[in-house]
N, C-alpha and C. Protein backbone atom coordinates (compact mmCIF):
# COMPACT_ATOMS: atom_id res chain seq x y z
N MET A 1 44.18 19.67 144.95
CA MET A 1 42.92 20.13 145.21
C MET A 1 42.67 21.69 144.03
N GLU A 2 41.91 21.59 143.08
CA GLU A 2 41.71 22.02 141.61
C GLU A 2 41.77 23.85 142.20
N THR A 3 42.12 24.31 141.20
CA THR A 3 42.98 25.16 140.94
C THR A 3 41.39 26.04 139.53
N GLU A 4 41.19 26.89 140.21
CA GLU A 4 40.44 28.09 138.84
C GLU A 4 41.14 29.39 139.07
N ARG A 5 41.18 29.62 137.96
CA ARG A 5 41.55 30.62 137.07
C ARG A 5 40.51 32.14 136.92
N ALA A 6 40.21 33.03 137.45
CA ALA A 6 39.88 34.41 137.28
C ALA A 6 40.99 35.02 137.41
N ILE A 7 39.73 36.11 136.79
CA ILE A 7 40.12 37.92 136.51
C ILE A 7 39.15 38.69 137.86
N LEU A 8 39.88 39.05 138.71
CA LEU A 8 39.37 39.91 139.98
C LEU A 8 40.44 41.04 140.63
N GLN A 9 39.32 41.69 141.11
CA GLN A 9 39.23 43.91 140.70
C GLN A 9 40.05 44.16 142.02
N VAL A 10 41.37 43.80 142.07
CA VAL A 10 42.00 44.12 143.01
C VAL A 10 42.17 45.46 143.66
N SER A 11 41.86 45.68 145.35
CA SER A 11 42.52 46.94 146.25
C SER A 11 42.81 46.19 147.13
N VAL A 12 44.50 47.03 147.57
CA VAL A 12 44.79 47.44 148.72
C VAL A 12 45.18 47.96 149.41
N ASN A 13 44.81 48.37 150.99
CA ASN A 13 44.47 49.37 151.50
C ASN A 13 43.17 50.41 151.37
N GLN A 14 42.47 49.39 150.81
CA GLN A 14 40.98 50.18 149.95
C GLN A 14 41.56 51.34 148.70
N ILE A 15 42.48 51.42 148.66
CA ILE A 15 42.37 51.72 146.91
C ILE A 15 42.52 51.26 146.21
N GLU A 16 41.70 51.27 144.92
CA GLU A 16 41.72 50.13 143.60
C GLU A 16 43.14 49.76 142.52
N SER A 17 44.06 48.96 142.45
CA SER A 17 44.82 49.11 141.47
C SER A 17 44.52 48.57 140.79
N GLY A 18 43.42 48.00 139.79
CA GLY A 18 43.24 47.63 138.60
C GLY A 18 42.39 46.02 138.52
N GLU A 19 42.76 45.23 137.50
CA GLU A 19 42.18 43.71 137.91
C GLU A 19 43.74 42.81 137.65
N VAL A 20 43.46 41.65 138.08
CA VAL A 20 45.09 41.26 138.29
C VAL A 20 44.35 39.45 137.72
N VAL A 21 44.88 38.55 137.27
CA VAL A 21 44.67 37.51 136.78
C VAL A 21 45.48 36.59 138.23
N ALA A 22 43.88 35.72 138.95
CA ALA A 22 44.71 35.20 139.90
C ALA A 22 43.97 33.83 139.95
N LEU A 23 44.70 32.68 140.66
CA LEU A 23 44.60 31.18 140.48
C LEU A 23 43.96 30.64 142.15
N VAL A 24 42.18 30.20 142.20
CA VAL A 24 41.97 29.88 142.90
C VAL A 24 41.80 29.46 143.37
N ARG A 25 42.20 28.58 144.73
CA ARG A 25 43.12 27.24 145.05
C ARG A 25 42.00 27.41 146.83
N GLY A 26 40.61 26.86 146.99
CA GLY A 26 40.36 26.56 148.40
C GLY A 26 39.92 27.65 148.49
N PRO A 27 40.61 27.28 149.66
CA PRO A 27 40.75 29.07 150.59
C PRO A 27 41.87 29.63 150.08
N ASP A 28 42.84 29.51 149.64
CA ASP A 28 43.58 30.17 149.43
C ASP A 28 43.43 30.99 147.82
N VAL A 29 44.18 32.11 147.42
CA VAL A 29 44.00 32.92 146.23
C VAL A 29 45.99 32.93 145.85
N LEU A 30 46.14 32.53 144.71
CA LEU A 30 48.21 32.98 144.21
C LEU A 30 47.56 34.35 143.51
N VAL A 31 48.18 35.23 143.60
CA VAL A 31 48.71 36.19 142.56
C VAL A 31 50.01 36.21 141.90
N ARG A 32 49.53 36.29 141.03
CA ARG A 32 51.66 37.00 140.26
C ARG A 32 52.62 38.21 141.30
N VAL A 33 53.52 36.79 140.99
CA VAL A 33 54.29 38.49 142.34
C VAL A 33 54.42 39.67 141.99
N SER A 34 54.11 39.76 140.04
CA SER A 34 54.54 41.26 138.94
C SER A 34 53.77 42.03 139.73
N ASP A 35 52.03 41.09 139.68
CA ASP A 35 50.93 41.54 139.74
C ASP A 35 50.92 42.47 141.52
N LEU A 36 51.75 42.14 142.28
CA LEU A 36 50.76 42.67 143.59
C LEU A 36 52.02 43.59 143.50
N GLU A 37 53.29 43.97 143.05
CA GLU A 37 54.55 44.84 143.02
C GLU A 37 53.47 46.38 142.40
N ARG A 38 53.27 45.25 141.43
CA ARG A 38 52.42 46.76 140.80
C ARG A 38 51.23 47.54 141.52
N ALA A 39 51.23 46.64 142.65
CA ALA A 39 49.55 47.00 143.07
C ALA A 39 50.15 47.81 144.39
N GLY A 40 52.02 48.48 144.74
CA GLY A 40 51.72 48.63 145.62
C GLY A 40 52.71 48.21 147.24
N VAL A 41 52.47 46.16 147.03
CA VAL A 41 53.17 45.45 147.67
C VAL A 41 54.31 45.67 147.68
N ARG A 42 55.78 45.64 148.50
CA ARG A 42 56.70 45.58 147.98
C ARG A 42 57.42 44.58 149.62
N GLY A 43 58.41 44.28 149.04
CA GLY A 43 59.45 43.60 150.11
C GLY A 43 58.84 42.23 150.66
N PHE A 44 57.37 41.39 150.39
CA PHE A 44 57.13 40.39 150.85
C PHE A 44 58.27 38.82 150.27
N GLY A 45 57.62 37.82 151.13
CA GLY A 45 58.27 36.80 151.12
C GLY A 45 56.91 36.15 150.33
N GLY A 46 56.57 34.67 151.55
CA GLY A 46 55.84 33.65 151.17
C GLY A 46 55.73 32.32 149.99
N ARG A 47 55.35 31.78 150.31
CA ARG A 47 55.16 30.99 149.54
C ARG A 47 55.02 30.97 147.81
N ARG A 48 55.75 30.96 147.48
CA ARG A 48 55.81 30.88 145.39
C ARG A 48 55.59 29.56 144.52
N GLU A 49 54.92 30.07 143.21
CA GLU A 49 54.87 28.73 142.08
C GLU A 49 54.94 29.42 141.43
N THR A 50 56.02 28.81 140.52
CA THR A 50 55.94 28.75 138.86
C THR A 50 54.92 28.28 138.06
N ILE A 51 54.58 28.96 137.59
CA ILE A 51 52.93 28.10 137.22
C ILE A 51 53.50 29.04 135.25
N ALA A 52 53.50 28.22 134.43
CA ALA A 52 53.20 28.72 133.06
C ALA A 52 54.63 30.21 132.85
N GLY A 53 55.22 29.63 133.54
CA GLY A 53 56.53 30.92 133.69
C GLY A 53 56.23 31.88 134.10
N ASP A 54 54.95 32.12 134.82
CA ASP A 54 54.87 33.15 135.91
C ASP A 54 54.56 32.72 137.44
N VAL A 55 55.66 33.38 138.15
CA VAL A 55 55.58 33.32 139.70
C VAL A 55 54.44 33.85 140.50
N TYR A 56 54.07 33.03 140.79
CA TYR A 56 53.04 33.28 141.67
C TYR A 56 53.25 33.23 143.22
N VAL A 57 52.62 33.65 144.23
CA VAL A 57 52.95 33.68 145.71
C VAL A 57 51.22 33.88 146.17
N SER A 58 51.55 32.55 147.14
CA SER A 58 49.88 32.56 148.15
C SER A 58 50.05 33.84 148.93
N LEU A 59 48.38 34.14 148.82
CA LEU A 59 48.00 35.22 150.08
C LEU A 59 48.27 34.41 151.31
N ALA A 60 47.48 33.09 151.68
CA ALA A 60 47.52 32.94 152.19
C ALA A 60 48.65 32.71 153.55
N SER A 61 49.53 32.53 152.14
CA SER A 61 51.25 32.82 153.21
C SER A 61 51.98 33.86 153.40
N LEU A 62 51.36 34.85 153.56
CA LEU A 62 51.22 36.04 153.44
C LEU A 62 50.62 37.06 154.89
N VAL A 63 49.89 35.82 155.65
CA VAL A 63 49.39 36.38 156.38
C VAL A 63 49.82 36.17 157.84
N PRO A 64 50.81 37.60 158.88
CA PRO A 64 49.70 38.14 158.65
C PRO A 64 49.88 39.78 158.32
N ALA A 65 51.25 39.48 157.40
CA ALA A 65 51.66 41.07 157.12
C ALA A 65 51.00 41.11 155.87
N VAL A 66 49.82 40.53 154.93
CA VAL A 66 49.27 40.62 154.23
C VAL A 66 48.02 40.06 154.81
N SER A 67 46.80 40.11 154.33
CA SER A 67 45.34 39.32 154.54
C SER A 67 44.13 39.87 153.13
N PHE A 68 44.01 38.70 153.24
CA PHE A 68 42.71 38.91 151.70
C PHE A 68 41.02 38.75 152.28
N ASP A 69 40.25 39.42 151.59
CA ASP A 69 39.78 38.72 151.54
C ASP A 69 38.54 38.87 150.15
N PHE A 70 38.59 37.74 149.43
CA PHE A 70 38.09 37.45 148.23
C PHE A 70 36.41 37.22 148.24
N ASP A 71 35.88 38.09 147.61
CA ASP A 71 34.43 38.18 147.23
C ASP A 71 34.10 37.34 146.22
N GLU A 72 33.79 36.01 145.93
CA GLU A 72 33.90 35.42 144.67
C GLU A 72 32.54 35.97 143.88
N ARG A 73 31.59 35.88 144.51
CA ARG A 73 30.72 36.87 143.89
C ARG A 73 30.65 37.99 143.13
N ALA A 74 31.28 39.39 143.85
CA ALA A 74 31.25 40.52 143.01
C ALA A 74 33.23 40.41 142.78
N LEU A 75 33.81 39.14 142.91
CA LEU A 75 35.22 38.95 141.89
C LEU A 75 36.37 39.60 142.39
N THR A 76 36.31 40.09 143.44
CA THR A 76 36.88 41.18 143.99
C THR A 76 38.04 40.53 145.23
N LEU A 77 39.44 40.98 145.14
CA LEU A 77 40.25 40.62 146.15
C LEU A 77 40.06 42.30 146.84
N ARG A 78 40.16 41.88 148.18
CA ARG A 78 40.09 43.59 149.04
C ARG A 78 41.88 42.66 150.02
N LEU A 79 42.82 43.47 149.55
CA LEU A 79 44.29 43.49 150.30
C LEU A 79 44.40 44.26 152.07
N THR A 80 44.96 44.26 153.02
CA THR A 80 45.28 44.84 153.09
C THR A 80 46.14 44.55 153.71
N ALA A 81 47.56 45.39 153.50
CA ALA A 81 49.05 45.29 154.07
C ALA A 81 49.44 46.13 155.27
N THR A 82 50.42 45.49 156.09
CA THR A 82 51.32 46.50 156.89
C THR A 82 52.02 47.34 156.43
N PRO A 83 52.08 48.71 156.51
CA PRO A 83 52.34 49.76 156.02
C PRO A 83 54.19 49.29 156.01
N SER A 84 54.83 48.66 156.28
CA SER A 84 56.40 48.48 156.45
C SER A 84 56.91 47.66 155.10
N LEU A 85 55.52 47.18 154.33
CA LEU A 85 55.44 46.59 152.78
C LEU A 85 55.20 47.58 151.93
N LEU A 86 54.67 48.52 152.79
CA LEU A 86 54.38 49.41 150.98
C LEU A 86 55.11 50.83 151.05
N ALA A 87 54.87 50.61 150.39
CA ALA A 87 55.81 52.21 149.43
C ALA A 87 55.56 53.56 149.83
N THR A 88 56.55 54.63 149.94
CA THR A 88 56.80 55.56 150.89
C THR A 88 56.00 56.96 149.60
N THR A 89 55.15 57.07 150.14
CA THR A 89 54.60 58.58 149.46
C THR A 89 54.90 60.19 150.26
N VAL A 90 55.30 60.29 149.43
CA VAL A 90 56.32 61.84 149.61
C VAL A 90 55.68 62.60 149.42
N GLN A 91 54.55 64.27 149.55
CA GLN A 91 53.75 64.76 149.50
C GLN A 91 54.55 66.05 149.58
N ASP A 92 55.32 67.15 148.42
CA ASP A 92 55.99 68.15 148.87
C ASP A 92 54.92 69.41 148.28
N PHE A 93 54.76 70.75 148.95
CA PHE A 93 53.78 71.44 148.91
C PHE A 93 55.23 72.50 148.42
N LEU A 94 56.41 72.57 147.99
CA LEU A 94 57.23 73.62 147.70
C LEU A 94 57.39 73.47 146.57
N GLN A 95 57.30 74.60 145.48
CA GLN A 95 57.76 74.89 144.44
C GLN A 95 58.54 73.78 143.15
N SER A 96 58.59 72.75 143.35
CA SER A 96 60.10 72.09 142.69
C SER A 96 60.84 72.07 141.78
N ARG A 97 61.95 72.82 141.73
CA ARG A 97 63.34 73.11 139.93
C ARG A 97 63.07 72.26 139.21
N PRO A 98 62.25 73.08 137.96
CA PRO A 98 61.71 72.00 136.64
C PRO A 98 62.48 71.68 136.32
N THR A 99 62.53 69.99 135.84
CA THR A 99 63.61 69.12 134.90
C THR A 99 63.92 70.16 133.82
N GLY A 100 65.82 70.12 134.05
CA GLY A 100 66.44 70.70 132.73
C GLY A 100 66.13 72.48 132.40
N LEU A 101 66.19 72.80 133.55
CA LEU A 101 66.02 74.49 133.88
C LEU A 101 67.55 74.53 133.49
N ILE A 102 67.14 75.80 132.67
CA ILE A 102 68.35 76.21 131.77
C ILE A 102 68.38 78.06 132.87
N TYR A 103 69.26 78.38 133.01
CA TYR A 103 68.92 80.24 133.07
C TYR A 103 70.71 80.34 131.86
N THR A 104 69.56 81.30 131.01
CA THR A 104 69.85 81.77 130.16
C THR A 104 71.04 82.94 130.39
N ARG A 105 72.16 83.34 129.58
CA ARG A 105 73.41 84.63 129.23
C ARG A 105 73.50 85.13 128.92
N ASP A 106 71.89 85.13 127.43
CA ASP A 106 72.38 85.84 126.56
C ASP A 106 72.73 87.32 126.78
N SER A 107 73.18 87.97 126.15
CA SER A 107 73.24 89.84 126.22
C SER A 107 72.56 90.26 125.88
N SER A 108 72.12 91.23 126.48
CA SER A 108 70.45 92.29 126.00
C SER A 108 71.10 93.35 126.26
N ALA A 109 70.37 94.15 126.30
CA ALA A 109 70.28 96.25 126.18
C ALA A 109 68.64 96.44 126.88
N PHE A 110 68.67 97.88 127.48
CA PHE A 110 67.43 98.47 127.41
C PHE A 110 67.81 99.32 127.60
N LEU A 111 66.70 100.52 127.51
CA LEU A 111 66.48 101.86 127.58
C LEU A 111 64.92 101.84 127.63
N ASN A 112 65.18 103.03 129.19
CA ASN A 112 63.42 103.62 128.98
C ASN A 112 63.70 105.29 129.45
N ALA A 113 62.64 105.95 128.87
CA ALA A 113 62.34 107.32 129.27
C ALA A 113 61.08 108.17 129.18
N SER A 114 61.13 108.78 129.85
CA SER A 114 60.01 109.38 130.80
C SER A 114 60.21 111.09 130.77
N ILE A 115 58.92 111.32 129.82
CA ILE A 115 59.54 113.42 130.43
C ILE A 115 57.78 113.67 130.01
N SER A 116 57.88 114.73 130.98
CA SER A 116 56.85 115.64 131.34
C SER A 116 56.87 116.97 132.11
N GLY A 117 56.04 118.10 131.08
CA GLY A 117 56.21 118.97 131.73
C GLY A 117 54.92 119.95 131.34
N ILE A 118 55.14 121.18 131.12
CA ILE A 118 54.00 122.17 130.99
C ILE A 118 53.84 122.67 129.37
N ASP A 119 54.95 122.81 128.79
CA ASP A 119 55.31 123.27 127.64
C ASP A 119 56.75 122.93 126.95
N PHE A 120 56.90 123.21 126.13
CA PHE A 120 58.46 122.66 125.08
C PHE A 120 59.69 123.37 126.06
N GLU A 121 59.03 124.27 126.74
CA GLU A 121 60.84 125.01 127.76
C GLU A 121 60.86 124.44 129.24
N ARG A 122 59.64 123.91 129.45
CA ARG A 122 59.43 123.58 131.34
C ARG A 122 59.01 122.51 130.79
N TYR A 123 60.01 121.28 131.12
CA TYR A 123 59.46 119.99 131.32
C TYR A 123 61.29 119.29 132.23
N THR A 124 60.36 118.15 132.32
CA THR A 124 61.39 117.26 132.80
C THR A 124 61.90 116.03 132.37
N TRP A 125 62.74 114.81 133.08
CA TRP A 125 63.32 113.73 131.50
C TRP A 125 63.70 113.16 132.49
N THR A 126 63.20 111.94 132.63
CA THR A 126 64.01 110.71 133.28
C THR A 126 64.36 109.78 132.61
N GLY A 127 65.51 108.92 132.44
CA GLY A 127 65.92 107.95 132.31
C GLY A 127 66.61 106.73 132.60
N GLU A 128 66.87 105.50 132.39
CA GLU A 128 67.81 104.71 132.61
C GLU A 128 67.79 103.38 131.45
N GLY A 129 68.73 104.00 131.87
CA GLY A 129 69.87 102.28 130.47
C GLY A 129 70.77 101.24 131.02
N GLY A 130 70.44 99.85 130.98
CA GLY A 130 71.65 98.92 131.08
C GLY A 130 71.93 97.69 129.47
N LEU A 131 73.56 97.66 130.27
CA LEU A 131 73.80 96.43 129.58
C LEU A 131 73.98 95.04 129.99
N SER A 132 73.68 94.27 129.44
CA SER A 132 73.86 92.76 130.29
C SER A 132 74.23 92.16 129.40
N ILE A 133 75.68 91.08 129.84
CA ILE A 133 76.81 90.82 129.00
C ILE A 133 76.94 89.13 129.59
N ARG A 134 76.48 87.73 129.27
CA ARG A 134 77.15 87.21 130.46
C ARG A 134 75.83 88.01 132.16
N ASN A 135 76.72 87.34 132.80
CA ASN A 135 76.13 87.54 134.13
C ASN A 135 76.71 88.42 134.84
N THR A 136 76.92 89.50 134.21
CA THR A 136 77.29 91.24 134.78
C THR A 136 75.85 92.13 134.08
N LEU A 137 75.97 93.69 134.46
CA LEU A 137 75.40 94.44 134.09
C LEU A 137 75.37 96.17 134.32
N LEU A 138 75.42 96.53 133.41
CA LEU A 138 75.91 98.02 133.85
C LEU A 138 74.49 99.34 133.90
N TYR A 139 74.22 99.48 134.33
CA TYR A 139 73.31 99.92 134.68
C TYR A 139 73.29 101.78 135.27
N GLY A 140 73.05 102.48 134.38
CA GLY A 140 72.50 103.75 134.67
C GLY A 140 71.16 104.53 134.58
N THR A 141 71.25 105.67 135.51
CA THR A 141 69.68 106.43 135.43
C THR A 141 70.13 107.78 135.72
N ALA A 142 69.57 109.18 134.76
CA ALA A 142 70.03 110.13 134.36
C ALA A 142 68.20 110.94 134.87
N PHE A 143 69.01 112.46 134.92
CA PHE A 143 67.39 113.17 134.62
C PHE A 143 67.94 114.53 134.36
N ARG A 144 66.87 115.31 134.11
CA ARG A 144 66.69 117.21 134.21
C ARG A 144 65.69 117.01 134.97
N ASP A 145 66.38 118.27 135.59
CA ASP A 145 64.80 119.63 136.13
C ASP A 145 64.28 120.07 135.03
N GLU A 146 63.18 121.24 135.99
CA GLU A 146 62.81 122.04 134.89
C GLU A 146 63.51 122.68 134.13
N MET A 147 64.80 123.71 135.00
CA MET A 147 65.78 124.35 135.05
C MET A 147 66.58 124.14 133.86
N GLY A 148 66.32 122.53 133.80
CA GLY A 148 67.58 122.39 132.37
C GLY A 148 68.60 121.85 133.11
N VAL A 149 68.67 121.48 134.44
CA VAL A 149 70.22 121.19 135.05
C VAL A 149 69.83 119.24 135.03
N PHE A 150 70.83 118.89 133.95
CA PHE A 150 71.03 116.90 134.48
C PHE A 150 71.65 116.44 135.20
N SER A 151 71.19 115.31 135.63
CA SER A 151 72.10 115.00 136.98
C SER A 151 71.99 113.35 137.07
N ARG A 152 73.60 113.04 137.29
CA ARG A 152 73.57 111.55 137.45
C ARG A 152 72.72 111.02 138.21
N GLY A 153 72.16 109.53 137.97
CA GLY A 153 71.58 108.62 139.05
C GLY A 153 72.40 107.99 139.41
N LEU A 154 71.30 106.37 139.95
CA LEU A 154 71.93 105.46 140.45
C LEU A 154 73.09 105.08 139.16
N THR A 155 74.43 104.76 139.76
CA THR A 155 75.11 103.85 138.14
C THR A 155 76.05 103.00 138.73
N SER A 156 76.17 101.34 138.68
CA SER A 156 76.56 100.19 139.02
C SER A 156 76.93 99.20 138.31
N PHE A 157 78.11 98.68 138.42
CA PHE A 157 78.73 97.53 137.61
C PHE A 157 78.29 95.95 138.36
N THR A 158 77.31 95.35 138.12
CA THR A 158 77.41 94.00 139.41
C THR A 158 77.36 92.60 138.62
N VAL A 159 78.12 91.55 139.31
CA VAL A 159 77.84 90.88 138.82
C VAL A 159 77.49 89.53 139.60
N ASP A 160 76.69 88.82 139.24
CA ASP A 160 75.94 87.50 139.91
C ASP A 160 76.75 86.21 139.79
N ASP A 161 76.87 85.88 140.85
CA ASP A 161 77.32 84.48 141.25
C ASP A 161 76.32 83.72 141.66
N ARG A 162 75.51 83.05 140.74
CA ARG A 162 74.10 81.96 140.53
C ARG A 162 74.75 81.28 141.45
N GLU A 163 75.37 80.15 141.31
CA GLU A 163 76.25 79.42 142.12
C GLU A 163 76.47 79.52 143.43
N HIS A 164 76.66 80.39 144.05
CA HIS A 164 77.06 80.52 145.54
C HIS A 164 75.65 81.83 145.76
N LEU A 165 74.98 82.40 145.53
CA LEU A 165 74.34 83.37 145.26
C LEU A 165 74.95 84.54 145.83
N VAL A 166 75.46 85.28 145.24
CA VAL A 166 76.50 85.90 146.14
C VAL A 166 76.41 87.05 144.45
N ARG A 167 76.36 88.66 145.00
CA ARG A 167 76.12 89.38 144.49
C ARG A 167 77.00 90.36 144.57
N TYR A 168 78.27 90.32 143.49
CA TYR A 168 79.05 91.73 143.81
C TYR A 168 78.93 92.86 142.84
N LEU A 169 78.55 94.10 143.43
CA LEU A 169 78.43 95.30 142.82
C LEU A 169 79.02 96.44 143.21
N VAL A 170 80.01 97.40 142.25
CA VAL A 170 80.75 98.79 142.53
C VAL A 170 79.56 99.48 141.67
N GLY A 171 79.52 100.68 143.03
CA GLY A 171 78.94 101.84 142.26
C GLY A 171 77.98 102.44 142.88
N ASP A 172 76.67 102.75 142.57
CA ASP A 172 75.46 102.86 143.69
C ASP A 172 75.13 102.60 144.18
N ARG A 173 74.55 101.88 145.35
CA ARG A 173 72.67 101.57 145.86
C ARG A 173 72.08 101.88 146.58
N PHE A 174 71.12 101.52 146.51
CA PHE A 174 69.95 101.58 147.51
C PHE A 174 69.30 101.33 148.21
N ASP A 175 69.72 101.01 149.67
CA ASP A 175 69.00 99.89 151.02
C ASP A 175 68.35 100.32 151.83
N ALA A 176 67.77 99.61 151.79
CA ALA A 176 66.36 99.42 152.88
C ALA A 176 66.58 98.54 153.67
N THR A 177 66.27 99.22 155.12
CA THR A 177 65.83 98.06 156.08
C THR A 177 64.38 97.42 156.77
N GLY A 178 63.19 97.67 155.70
CA GLY A 178 62.28 97.36 155.72
C GLY A 178 61.22 98.69 156.36
N PRO A 179 60.86 98.69 156.75
CA PRO A 179 59.21 99.43 157.09
C PRO A 179 59.52 100.07 158.47
N LEU A 180 60.11 99.42 159.03
CA LEU A 180 60.31 100.07 160.84
C LEU A 180 61.86 100.28 160.92
N GLY A 181 62.25 100.14 159.87
CA GLY A 181 63.96 100.80 160.11
C GLY A 181 63.35 102.16 159.00
N GLY A 182 65.12 102.26 159.03
CA GLY A 182 65.45 103.52 157.47
C GLY A 182 65.93 103.23 156.22
N SER A 183 66.52 103.98 155.11
CA SER A 183 67.45 103.47 153.98
C SER A 183 67.89 105.01 153.46
N ALA A 184 69.12 104.41 152.76
CA ALA A 184 70.28 105.27 152.39
C ALA A 184 70.85 104.98 151.10
N GLN A 185 71.10 105.98 150.87
CA GLN A 185 71.49 105.91 149.77
C GLN A 185 73.06 105.52 149.61
N LEU A 186 73.94 103.83 149.24
CA LEU A 186 74.75 103.52 149.51
C LEU A 186 76.15 103.80 148.05
N GLY A 187 77.98 104.29 147.87
CA GLY A 187 78.25 104.08 147.31
C GLY A 187 79.29 103.46 147.80
N GLY A 188 80.06 103.31 146.10
CA GLY A 188 81.20 101.74 147.13
C GLY A 188 81.26 100.45 147.14
N VAL A 189 82.02 99.74 147.19
CA VAL A 189 82.23 98.24 146.13
C VAL A 189 81.00 97.40 147.67
N SER A 190 80.46 96.94 147.07
CA SER A 190 79.34 95.52 147.66
C SER A 190 79.79 94.20 147.40
N ILE A 191 79.39 93.01 148.35
CA ILE A 191 79.30 92.16 148.19
C ILE A 191 78.53 91.59 149.21
N ALA A 192 76.93 91.04 148.86
CA ALA A 192 76.64 90.42 149.19
C ALA A 192 75.27 89.31 149.15
N ARG A 193 74.58 88.25 150.38
CA ARG A 193 73.98 87.80 149.61
C ARG A 193 72.62 87.54 148.81
N GLU A 194 72.55 86.79 147.58
CA GLU A 194 70.99 87.35 146.85
C GLU A 194 69.97 86.07 146.79
N PHE A 195 68.88 86.00 147.70
CA PHE A 195 68.90 84.68 146.90
C PHE A 195 67.52 84.59 146.36
N SER A 196 67.14 85.57 146.02
CA SER A 196 67.08 85.52 144.50
C SER A 196 67.08 85.60 142.93
N LEU A 197 68.42 84.96 143.57
CA LEU A 197 69.07 84.49 141.79
C LEU A 197 68.67 83.30 141.69
N ASP A 198 68.15 82.12 142.66
CA ASP A 198 67.70 81.33 142.97
C ASP A 198 66.45 81.45 143.47
N PRO A 199 65.65 81.30 142.55
CA PRO A 199 63.95 81.19 143.35
C PRO A 199 63.34 79.98 143.56
N TYR A 200 64.26 78.95 143.29
CA TYR A 200 63.43 77.39 143.64
C TYR A 200 64.53 76.97 145.27
N TYR A 201 65.00 78.34 145.90
CA TYR A 201 65.89 77.74 146.83
C TYR A 201 65.40 78.03 148.23
N VAL A 202 65.64 77.06 149.10
CA VAL A 202 64.89 77.54 150.09
C VAL A 202 65.60 77.44 150.59
N ARG A 203 65.13 78.79 151.55
CA ARG A 203 66.25 79.15 152.49
C ARG A 203 65.50 79.53 154.10
N PHE A 204 64.43 78.30 154.32
CA PHE A 204 64.01 78.90 155.64
C PHE A 204 63.70 76.71 155.83
N PRO A 205 63.70 76.99 156.99
CA PRO A 205 63.35 75.92 157.99
C PRO A 205 61.24 75.44 157.60
N THR A 206 61.14 74.23 156.84
CA THR A 206 59.73 73.84 156.63
C THR A 206 59.75 72.75 157.11
N VAL A 207 58.19 72.31 157.37
CA VAL A 207 57.18 71.49 158.55
C VAL A 207 57.35 70.67 157.69
N GLY A 208 57.60 69.46 158.62
CA GLY A 208 57.89 67.76 158.22
C GLY A 208 56.88 67.09 159.32
N LEU A 209 55.74 66.23 158.04
CA LEU A 209 55.07 65.21 159.03
C LEU A 209 55.37 63.75 158.55
N SER A 210 55.25 62.74 158.99
CA SER A 210 56.05 61.44 158.38
C SER A 210 54.75 60.76 159.52
N GLY A 211 54.76 59.94 158.89
CA GLY A 211 53.43 58.54 159.68
C GLY A 211 53.02 57.52 159.22
N ALA A 212 51.71 57.02 159.53
CA ALA A 212 51.50 55.80 158.76
C ALA A 212 50.42 54.99 158.93
N VAL A 213 49.23 54.53 158.00
CA VAL A 213 47.76 54.78 157.97
C VAL A 213 47.62 53.00 157.43
N PHE A 214 46.97 52.24 158.19
CA PHE A 214 46.24 50.96 157.34
C PHE A 214 44.97 50.70 156.93
N THR A 215 44.55 51.94 156.05
CA THR A 215 43.56 52.23 155.84
C THR A 215 43.91 53.26 154.79
N ARG A 216 42.97 53.43 153.75
CA ARG A 216 43.05 55.28 153.10
C ARG A 216 42.48 55.37 153.42
N SER A 217 43.30 56.79 153.80
CA SER A 217 42.77 58.15 154.55
C SER A 217 43.24 59.62 154.47
N THR A 218 42.90 60.49 154.77
CA THR A 218 42.58 61.88 153.99
C THR A 218 43.84 62.99 154.57
N ALA A 219 44.70 64.20 154.65
CA ALA A 219 45.18 64.40 155.41
C ALA A 219 44.58 65.65 154.72
N GLU A 220 44.16 67.02 156.32
CA GLU A 220 43.82 68.01 155.78
C GLU A 220 45.19 69.04 156.23
N VAL A 221 45.48 70.06 155.67
CA VAL A 221 46.54 71.00 156.04
C VAL A 221 46.46 72.27 156.09
N THR A 222 46.11 73.20 156.54
CA THR A 222 45.61 74.13 156.67
C THR A 222 47.17 74.89 156.59
N ALA A 223 47.92 76.21 156.25
CA ALA A 223 47.87 77.26 156.13
C ALA A 223 47.71 78.27 156.51
N SER A 224 48.32 78.96 156.90
CA SER A 224 48.39 80.21 157.50
C SER A 224 49.39 81.31 157.33
N GLU A 225 49.53 82.85 157.47
CA GLU A 225 50.18 83.76 157.06
C GLU A 225 51.01 84.03 158.61
């Protein structure tokens, strides 16, 4: 049977996959195995032939797992493959962790101050300062009232264990239980979970949806608070 070589525009399940060099042999069409895999079709068998060093597969031998429609005038080849032969597509809506992310542990220090008052004799002063070395932080605040009395504010020494999401604190801390609860200033030693150490850590169940489609489809996702 006479074989003709043709350059065809290929689509798989209505998704354009570029052009391929195909061999048209009567009602059958032979396509290179590598081109079919590049188009997203995986795990197929079929009758194969090696021609000029390239391995071709007969599309007629793949029916019914893969059906095809060859339009001779438009030079298009439309394939319809079962979901079992297609690669899985995963759409993750969570913020993924960047590749090669590095948390720096450079030493640093800061000092902030605020002064307000009526004149040079009656004024208030508020200040805070901190020293960070590797994964530790020494932090303190101080105040001056209008009478010139200085008072110590919150003072603490913090050690963060990012790997286990645990924060160790010695000194003062301010805790609040939310809008419906209360708040208190505490002092002592604290060991607590701190999920903010890893902003990409997922600590709650997420919604999962899976399925298979035979044709090109659109999924509409609506999120509400």
